[in-house]
Amino acid sequence: MTDSHSPCLYTAVDSSLLAAAAYSTEETLELQFRSGAVYRYFAVPSAVFPNLIAATSKGTYFNRHIRNNFHYQLLV
C-alpha cells in the first residue's frame, strides 16, 4: 500500500495475462499486463486486490471482476 506521494509497490503474479499488480490507499489498482501495457483502475474496493492475488487464475478473476467494472486509464 502506498500514499499519494509514493509510487505503487508492485507484486509479481503468476499469470499468463498479468505480470504484476499494485493497489494504493487511494483505491486505485494498477495492472501490468504481459504485453507491457499498464492500466490504472479507479474506485476499486480494497478486497479486490487480495482476491486477485489469491485467485487460482488471475486472468479469469480479471475478466469476471475487474474488466468492464471500473473506470480505467492506460498508463503505458
Protein backbone atom coordinates (compact mmCIF):
# COMPACT_ATOMS: atom_id res chain seq x y z
CA MET A 1 0.00 0.00 0.00
CA THR A 2 1.19 3.47 -0.80
CA ASP A 3 0.26 7.05 -0.12
CA SER A 4 -0.27 9.77 -2.70
CA HIS A 5 3.41 10.76 -2.59
CA SER A 6 4.99 7.42 -3.39
CA PRO A 7 4.64 5.05 -6.33
CA CYS A 8 2.62 1.87 -6.07
CA LEU A 9 4.57 -1.17 -4.97
CA TYR A 10 4.04 -3.93 -7.49
CA THR A 11 3.56 -7.58 -6.63
CA ALA A 12 4.64 -10.05 -9.31
CA VAL A 13 1.90 -12.52 -10.17
CA ASP A 14 1.94 -15.98 -11.70
CA SER A 15 -0.33 -15.44 -14.69
CA SER A 16 -0.28 -15.79 -18.47
CA LEU A 17 -2.21 -12.49 -18.72
CA LEU A 18 -0.73 -10.34 -15.94
CA ALA A 19 2.87 -9.68 -14.94
CA ALA A 20 2.28 -7.61 -11.80
CA ALA A 21 -0.36 -5.80 -9.75
CA ALA A 22 -0.36 -2.94 -7.25
CA TYR A 23 -3.02 -1.33 -5.06
CA SER A 24 -2.93 2.08 -3.41
CA THR A 25 -4.79 3.57 -0.47
CA GLU A 26 -6.47 5.88 -2.99
CA GLU A 27 -8.48 2.84 -4.18
CA THR A 28 -6.56 2.56 -7.43
CA LEU A 29 -5.44 -0.75 -8.85
CA GLU A 30 -2.58 -0.84 -11.34
CA LEU A 31 -2.14 -3.89 -13.51
CA GLN A 32 0.87 -4.61 -15.67
CA PHE A 33 0.00 -7.00 -18.46
CA ARG A 34 2.40 -9.45 -20.09
CA SER A 35 2.01 -7.36 -23.26
CA GLY A 36 3.75 -4.49 -21.44
CA ALA A 37 0.63 -2.34 -21.11
CA VAL A 38 -0.10 -0.83 -17.69
CA TYR A 39 -3.63 0.19 -16.72
CA ARG A 40 -4.87 2.07 -13.66
CA TYR A 41 -8.38 1.23 -12.42
CA PHE A 42 -10.25 3.70 -10.21
CA ALA A 43 -12.59 3.32 -7.20
CA VAL A 44 -11.61 -0.32 -6.71
CA PRO A 45 -12.72 -1.80 -3.36
CA SER A 46 -9.81 -2.91 -1.18
CA ALA A 47 -10.94 -6.57 -1.23
CA VAL A 48 -10.33 -6.84 -4.98
CA PHE A 49 -6.52 -6.78 -4.72
CA PRO A 50 -6.06 -9.67 -2.26
CA ASN A 51 -8.73 -11.64 -4.10
CA LEU A 52 -6.86 -11.14 -7.37
CA ILE A 53 -3.55 -12.19 -5.79
CA ALA A 54 -5.17 -15.29 -4.25
CA ALA A 55 -7.09 -16.31 -7.37
CA THR A 56 -6.04 -19.58 -8.99
CA SER A 57 -6.47 -17.91 -12.40
CA LYS A 58 -5.61 -14.21 -12.36
CA GLY A 59 -6.91 -13.84 -15.93
CA THR A 60 -10.29 -15.34 -15.08
CA TYR A 61 -10.57 -13.16 -11.96
CA PHE A 62 -9.65 -10.08 -14.00
CA ASN A 63 -12.22 -10.85 -16.70
CA ARG A 64 -15.02 -11.55 -14.18
CA HIS A 65 -14.38 -8.92 -11.50
CA ILE A 66 -12.24 -6.08 -12.88
CA ARG A 67 -12.53 -5.77 -16.66
CA ASN A 68 -15.52 -3.61 -17.66
CA ASN A 69 -16.36 -2.96 -13.97
CA PHE A 70 -14.21 0.10 -13.23
CA HIS A 71 -13.15 3.29 -14.96
CA TYR A 72 -9.56 2.96 -16.12
CA GLN A 73 -6.68 4.81 -17.70
CA LEU A 74 -3.92 3.43 -19.93
CA LEU A 75 -0.58 4.47 -18.38
CA VAL A 76 1.90 2.71 -20.67
